[in-house]
Amino acid sequence: MHDMDPVTMVSRRTVLVSGARLAGLGAAAALALGRLDRLALAQNATPMTGADLGYPELMVTITDSGYQLDAQSVPSGYVLLTVKNASKDDTGAAVLGPGPGQTMSDLQAAASTPAPNEGFPPFLYTATIPGGPGDMPPGATAQAIINLPAGDWVVFGEGNQPPSSFTAIGGTPAAAPEPTASVTVTEVEFSFSGLDVAIPEGQQIWKVVNSGAQPHMLVLGKVPAGTTMDQIMQVVSAPDNATPVPGGLQESDFQPMGGVLLQSAGTTVWPLLNLPAGSYVALCFVTDPRNGEPHAMEGMVSLFTVGGGAATPAA
């Protein structure tokens, strides 16, 4: 799989703070949220271990040259994916494998086909992506629990590093129970549900279910109290190089707080988060293949409160 182009994506930071309209996840720029990710680093809790949670653990270290795995195989089922960013860039990592009816060779061949106009790579619409954490500045560690069927997989990410392969081995003697989550978020075309409840602050596990037909991501950002949906959509929908609206949201107003890098339809991932009380926004910037629009432009945006309160669905 080393000749598969790793997934590199247009910057969500550009969308949120420069007003550029996201045309797709392409092969030119990084997905990571830029220097504002460092604001989230202070909120990172001490990483859990697989022993703490009762699951096998796959530890991934991202360097400037590749993805270093601490094991070449893990038991199938629930696995704690612990990702440390030892590279010089903001980044993230997730697990990817063949989609239904595909082999790894099929996936490799599909991944070698260039994306049109540097858009979202077509093979990602059909691959199986159990998920993984994103939005990691250099030196940060982030975690997610993923559900791996037996088979061959790769760890991929947002830079130019080649993916690294591993195997999930079936036949585990005792199946572990599903992780216990404090919040369940369901993704569909095109909205988030489950954020209209009281959400606790502090260290917690979320359950993120993709019940839609397309891949989705969960981008979480802390925003100033009183931020409105109109303000969010004004930034998301602004044209490239637009001048920030006076009194509107600025770069310093967004504090990335993690989430899910990417997950395919029909998958569930459990990101480990540490959320201080305040106002938040959830967005998805995967491109809709029918029209080239980012999902956020089609309504996949919610404002919600941590420490109490309810979400505000996008218009």
Protein backbone atom coordinates (compact mmCIF):
# COMPACT_ATOMS: atom_id res chain seq x y z
CA MET A 1 0.00 0.00 0.00
CA HIS A 2 2.97 2.32 0.04
CA ASP A 3 2.13 3.61 -3.43
CA MET A 4 -1.34 4.72 -2.28
CA ASP A 5 -1.43 8.49 -2.12
CA PRO A 6 -2.14 9.47 1.48
CA VAL A 7 -5.22 11.57 1.99
CA THR A 8 -4.40 15.25 2.04
CA MET A 9 -7.14 17.77 2.38
CA VAL A 10 -8.00 21.43 1.89
CA SER A 11 -7.60 23.40 5.07
CA ARG A 12 -10.66 23.80 7.26
CA ARG A 13 -8.76 26.64 8.89
CA THR A 14 -9.04 28.48 5.58
CA VAL A 15 -12.77 27.93 5.64
CA LEU A 16 -13.30 29.04 9.20
CA VAL A 17 -10.98 31.98 9.55
CA SER A 18 -10.21 33.25 6.06
CA GLY A 19 -13.70 32.84 4.65
CA ALA A 20 -12.61 30.59 1.78
CA ARG A 21 -15.30 28.27 0.49
CA LEU A 22 -14.21 24.66 0.72
CA ALA A 23 -14.45 22.98 -2.66
CA GLY A 24 -13.32 19.53 -1.60
CA LEU A 25 -10.77 17.46 0.24
CA GLY A 26 -7.91 17.36 -2.22
CA ALA A 27 -4.27 16.46 -2.59
CA ALA A 28 -2.71 19.88 -2.19
CA ALA A 29 -3.12 21.31 1.32
CA ALA A 30 -3.29 20.01 4.88
CA LEU A 31 -6.51 19.29 6.71
CA ALA A 32 -5.09 20.42 10.04
CA LEU A 33 -6.39 23.60 11.61
CA GLY A 34 -3.12 25.50 11.71
CA ARG A 35 -1.68 27.36 14.61
CA LEU A 36 -4.99 27.62 16.45
CA ASP A 37 -4.67 23.92 17.24
CA ARG A 38 -2.14 24.95 19.83
CA LEU A 39 -4.91 26.61 21.77
CA ALA A 40 -6.54 23.21 22.12
CA LEU A 41 -3.33 21.58 23.32
CA ALA A 42 -3.72 23.14 26.74
CA GLN A 43 -7.05 21.36 27.05
CA ASN A 44 -5.62 17.89 26.38
CA ALA A 45 -6.19 15.44 29.21
CA THR A 46 -3.72 12.73 30.17
CA PRO A 47 -4.09 10.00 27.53
CA MET A 48 -5.89 6.85 28.61
CA THR A 49 -4.36 3.42 27.99
CA GLY A 50 -5.90 0.31 26.54
CA ALA A 51 -5.66 -1.28 29.98
CA ASP A 52 -7.59 1.65 31.48
CA LEU A 53 -10.45 1.09 29.05
CA GLY A 54 -10.27 -2.68 28.67
CA TYR A 55 -9.39 -2.70 24.95
CA PRO A 56 -6.31 -3.59 22.93
CA GLU A 57 -4.35 -0.52 21.88
CA LEU A 58 -2.62 0.44 18.65
CA MET A 59 -0.15 3.26 19.15
CA VAL A 60 0.71 5.41 16.13
CA THR A 61 3.51 7.95 16.00
CA ILE A 62 3.35 10.36 13.08
CA THR A 63 6.78 11.52 11.94
CA ASP A 64 7.77 13.66 8.99
CA SER A 65 8.55 10.50 7.03
CA GLY A 66 5.75 8.10 7.97
CA TYR A 67 3.44 6.42 10.47
CA GLN A 68 5.21 4.27 13.05
CA LEU A 69 3.00 1.53 14.55
CA ASP A 70 3.87 -0.24 17.77
CA ALA A 71 2.41 -3.51 16.44
CA GLN A 72 1.76 -5.17 13.10
CA SER A 73 -1.44 -6.82 14.30
CA VAL A 74 -4.22 -6.25 16.82
CA PRO A 75 -7.26 -8.32 17.79
CA SER A 76 -10.36 -7.51 15.77
CA GLY A 77 -13.16 -5.62 17.53
CA TYR A 78 -12.85 -2.50 19.63
CA VAL A 79 -9.34 -1.01 19.55
CA LEU A 80 -8.02 2.12 21.24
CA LEU A 81 -6.19 4.14 18.58
CA THR A 82 -3.63 6.40 20.26
CA VAL A 83 -1.98 8.87 17.90
CA LYS A 84 1.04 11.01 18.78
CA ASN A 85 2.09 13.78 16.42
CA ALA A 86 5.89 13.81 16.33
CA SER A 87 5.99 15.60 12.97
CA LYS A 88 6.59 19.28 12.35
CA ASP A 89 3.08 19.84 10.96
CA ASP A 90 -0.46 19.89 12.29
CA THR A 91 -2.00 16.56 11.39
CA GLY A 92 -4.19 13.60 12.33
CA ALA A 93 -4.56 9.92 11.51
CA ALA A 94 -7.27 7.37 10.85
CA VAL A 95 -7.67 3.77 9.72
CA LEU A 96 -8.73 2.81 6.21
CA GLY A 97 -9.47 -0.47 4.47
CA PRO A 98 -11.30 -1.95 1.47
CA GLY A 99 -14.99 -1.24 1.11
CA PRO A 100 -17.68 -3.90 0.67
CA GLY A 101 -16.78 -6.19 -2.20
CA GLN A 102 -13.27 -4.71 -2.48
CA THR A 103 -9.85 -6.19 -1.90
CA MET A 104 -6.84 -4.24 -0.73
CA SER A 105 -5.54 -4.40 -4.31
CA ASP A 106 -8.82 -2.88 -5.53
CA LEU A 107 -8.49 -0.09 -3.00
CA GLN A 108 -4.87 0.52 -3.94
CA ALA A 109 -5.79 0.79 -7.61
CA ALA A 110 -8.67 3.17 -6.85
CA ALA A 111 -6.46 5.31 -4.64
CA SER A 112 -3.89 5.72 -7.40
CA THR A 113 -6.45 7.47 -9.62
CA PRO A 114 -6.02 11.26 -9.34
CA ALA A 115 -8.93 13.19 -7.90
CA PRO A 116 -10.57 15.59 -10.38
CA ASN A 117 -9.63 19.20 -9.71
CA GLU A 118 -7.81 18.14 -6.55
CA GLY A 119 -11.20 17.43 -5.00
CA PHE A 120 -12.19 14.82 -2.46
CA PRO A 121 -10.58 11.56 -3.66
CA PRO A 122 -13.32 9.35 -5.14
CA PHE A 123 -11.99 6.17 -3.51
CA LEU A 124 -12.83 7.57 -0.07
CA TYR A 125 -16.55 7.37 -0.87
CA THR A 126 -16.37 3.58 -1.19
CA ALA A 127 -13.54 2.63 1.21
CA THR A 128 -14.20 1.52 4.79
CA ILE A 129 -12.92 4.16 7.21
CA PRO A 130 -13.48 3.25 10.88
CA GLY A 131 -12.22 6.68 11.90
CA GLY A 132 -9.52 8.27 14.01
CA PRO A 133 -8.61 11.57 15.67
CA GLY A 134 -7.62 14.75 13.85
CA ASP A 135 -6.61 18.33 14.62
CA MET A 136 -3.31 17.60 16.34
CA PRO A 137 -0.49 20.16 16.62
CA PRO A 138 3.10 18.93 16.87
CA GLY A 139 3.68 17.19 20.20
CA ALA A 140 0.00 16.46 20.84
CA THR A 141 -1.60 13.08 21.47
CA ALA A 142 -5.21 12.26 20.60
CA GLN A 143 -7.28 9.10 20.90
CA ALA A 144 -10.35 7.35 19.56
CA ILE A 145 -11.84 3.89 19.98
CA ILE A 146 -12.58 2.25 16.64
CA ASN A 147 -14.31 -0.99 15.69
CA LEU A 148 -12.13 -3.12 13.40
CA PRO A 149 -13.42 -6.20 11.57
CA ALA A 150 -10.80 -8.87 10.89
CA GLY A 151 -8.70 -8.07 7.83
CA ASP A 152 -5.97 -5.85 6.42
CA TRP A 153 -5.90 -2.13 7.20
CA VAL A 154 -3.69 0.91 6.83
CA VAL A 155 -3.13 4.00 8.95
CA PHE A 156 -3.26 7.11 6.80
CA GLY A 157 -3.35 10.82 7.42
CA GLU A 158 -3.13 14.32 6.08
CA GLY A 159 0.46 14.79 5.01
CA ASN A 160 2.60 13.23 2.30
CA GLN A 161 3.73 10.29 4.41
CA PRO A 162 3.02 6.84 2.98
CA PRO A 163 0.40 4.81 4.87
CA SER A 164 1.46 1.97 7.18
CA SER A 165 -0.27 -1.39 7.14
CA PHE A 166 -1.40 -3.73 9.89
CA THR A 167 -3.81 -6.63 10.36
CA ALA A 168 -6.82 -7.10 12.63
CA ILE A 169 -6.89 -10.75 13.64
CA GLY A 170 -10.21 -12.48 14.29
CA GLY A 171 -10.96 -15.18 16.81
CA THR A 172 -10.62 -13.07 19.95
CA PRO A 173 -11.74 -15.35 22.83
CA ALA A 174 -14.06 -12.84 24.53
CA ALA A 175 -15.72 -9.90 22.84
CA ALA A 176 -15.35 -6.64 24.74
CA PRO A 177 -18.44 -4.54 25.44
CA GLU A 178 -19.15 -1.36 23.48
CA PRO A 179 -17.55 1.76 24.98
CA THR A 180 -19.76 3.75 27.33
CA ALA A 181 -20.36 7.21 25.89
CA SER A 182 -21.63 10.37 27.55
CA VAL A 183 -22.90 11.83 24.25
CA THR A 184 -24.14 10.13 21.07
CA VAL A 185 -23.93 12.13 17.84
CA THR A 186 -25.55 10.81 14.66
CA GLU A 187 -24.42 12.06 11.24
CA VAL A 188 -26.73 12.03 8.22
CA GLU A 189 -27.07 13.96 4.99
CA PHE A 190 -26.79 16.69 6.13
CA SER A 191 -27.03 17.29 9.85
CA PHE A 192 -25.83 16.26 13.29
CA SER A 193 -28.30 15.00 15.87
CA GLY A 194 -27.68 14.38 19.55
CA LEU A 195 -26.19 17.76 20.42
CA ASP A 196 -29.49 19.17 21.69
CA VAL A 197 -28.96 17.71 25.17
CA ALA A 198 -27.03 18.77 28.25
CA ILE A 199 -23.39 17.97 27.45
CA PRO A 200 -20.97 17.55 30.36
CA GLU A 201 -17.67 19.36 30.55
CA GLY A 202 -14.35 17.66 31.12
CA GLN A 203 -12.85 14.39 29.95
CA GLN A 204 -15.36 12.13 28.21
CA ILE A 205 -16.06 9.67 25.41
CA TRP A 206 -18.47 10.48 22.58
CA LYS A 207 -20.15 7.98 20.29
CA VAL A 208 -20.26 9.26 16.69
CA VAL A 209 -22.46 7.24 14.33
CA ASN A 210 -22.45 7.79 10.58
CA SER A 211 -25.98 6.78 9.56
CA GLY A 212 -25.71 8.52 6.21
CA ALA A 213 -24.65 7.27 2.80
CA GLN A 214 -21.56 9.47 2.46
CA PRO A 215 -18.38 9.80 4.55
CA HIS A 216 -18.50 12.45 7.28
CA MET A 217 -16.18 14.18 9.70
CA LEU A 218 -16.82 15.85 13.03
CA VAL A 219 -14.93 19.11 13.46
CA LEU A 220 -15.37 20.59 16.93
CA GLY A 221 -14.48 24.19 17.71
CA LYS A 222 -15.02 26.36 20.77
CA VAL A 223 -16.47 29.76 19.87
CA PRO A 224 -17.33 32.93 21.81
CA ALA A 225 -20.52 32.94 23.86
CA GLY A 226 -23.37 34.39 21.84
CA THR A 227 -22.03 33.22 18.47
CA THR A 228 -24.94 32.83 16.05
CA MET A 229 -25.57 30.43 13.21
CA ASP A 230 -25.66 33.39 10.82
CA GLN A 231 -22.11 34.31 11.86
CA ILE A 232 -20.88 30.77 11.35
CA MET A 233 -22.52 30.40 7.94
CA GLN A 234 -21.27 33.83 6.88
CA VAL A 235 -17.71 32.62 7.36
CA VAL A 236 -18.27 29.18 5.82
CA SER A 237 -19.97 30.56 2.71
CA ALA A 238 -17.69 33.55 2.05
CA PRO A 239 -15.71 33.46 -1.23
CA ASP A 240 -11.96 32.97 -1.40
CA ASN A 241 -9.86 35.84 -0.02
CA ALA A 242 -12.92 37.65 1.28
CA THR A 243 -12.30 40.50 3.69
CA PRO A 244 -13.55 39.59 7.16
CA VAL A 245 -16.87 41.24 7.96
CA PRO A 246 -16.47 44.00 10.57
CA GLY A 247 -17.81 42.70 13.85
CA GLY A 248 -17.92 39.16 12.47
CA LEU A 249 -15.99 36.14 13.62
CA GLN A 250 -12.20 36.39 13.48
CA GLU A 251 -9.38 33.84 13.47
CA SER A 252 -8.81 34.27 17.17
CA ASP A 253 -12.47 33.41 17.86
CA PHE A 254 -12.06 29.71 16.95
CA GLN A 255 -10.47 27.20 19.29
CA PRO A 256 -10.32 23.71 17.75
CA MET A 257 -11.24 20.96 20.22
CA GLY A 258 -10.70 17.74 18.26
CA GLY A 259 -13.29 15.41 16.81
CA VAL A 260 -13.20 12.73 14.11
CA LEU A 261 -10.89 13.03 11.12
CA LEU A 262 -13.08 11.02 8.76
CA GLN A 263 -15.41 8.01 8.92
CA SER A 264 -17.29 6.11 6.24
CA ALA A 265 -20.99 5.37 6.04
CA GLY A 266 -22.21 2.76 8.49
CA THR A 267 -19.32 3.15 10.93
CA THR A 268 -19.20 4.25 14.56
CA VAL A 269 -16.21 5.80 16.30
CA TRP A 270 -15.72 6.87 19.92
CA PRO A 271 -13.41 9.93 20.19
CA LEU A 272 -11.91 10.72 23.60
CA LEU A 273 -12.41 14.41 24.28
CA ASN A 274 -11.68 16.94 27.00
CA LEU A 275 -14.12 19.84 26.75
CA PRO A 276 -14.22 22.94 28.96
CA ALA A 277 -17.56 24.63 29.49
CA GLY A 278 -18.60 27.06 26.80
CA SER A 279 -20.11 27.49 23.34
CA TYR A 280 -19.15 25.16 20.50
CA VAL A 281 -19.71 24.56 16.82
CA ALA A 282 -19.73 21.18 15.04
CA LEU A 283 -19.15 21.05 11.28
CA CYS A 284 -18.48 18.61 8.45
CA PHE A 285 -16.47 19.66 5.40
CA VAL A 286 -16.59 16.48 3.33
CA THR A 287 -17.62 17.30 -0.24
CA ASP A 288 -20.99 16.14 -1.59
CA PRO A 289 -20.17 14.36 -4.88
CA ARG A 290 -23.51 15.39 -6.37
CA ASN A 291 -22.74 19.10 -6.43
CA GLY A 292 -19.23 19.68 -5.08
CA GLU A 293 -20.52 21.51 -2.01
CA PRO A 294 -19.04 20.92 1.45
CA HIS A 295 -21.54 19.30 3.78
CA ALA A 296 -21.41 22.37 6.04
CA MET A 297 -22.94 24.40 3.21
CA GLU A 298 -25.78 21.89 3.05
CA GLY A 299 -26.71 22.21 6.71
CA MET A 300 -24.21 20.02 8.53
CA VAL A 301 -23.49 22.61 11.22
CA SER A 302 -24.66 22.80 14.82
CA LEU A 303 -24.06 25.27 17.62
CA PHE A 304 -24.22 23.73 21.08
CA THR A 305 -23.21 24.34 24.67
CA VAL A 306 -20.95 22.27 26.91
CA GLY A 307 -21.97 22.46 30.54
CA GLY A 308 -25.68 22.68 29.64
CA GLY A 309 -27.80 24.05 26.83
CA ALA A 310 -28.94 22.83 23.44
CA ALA A 311 -27.76 22.73 19.85
CA THR A 312 -28.91 25.11 17.15
CA PRO A 313 -29.54 23.28 13.86
CA ALA A 314 -28.23 24.88 10.70
CA ALA A 315 -30.70 26.46 8.35
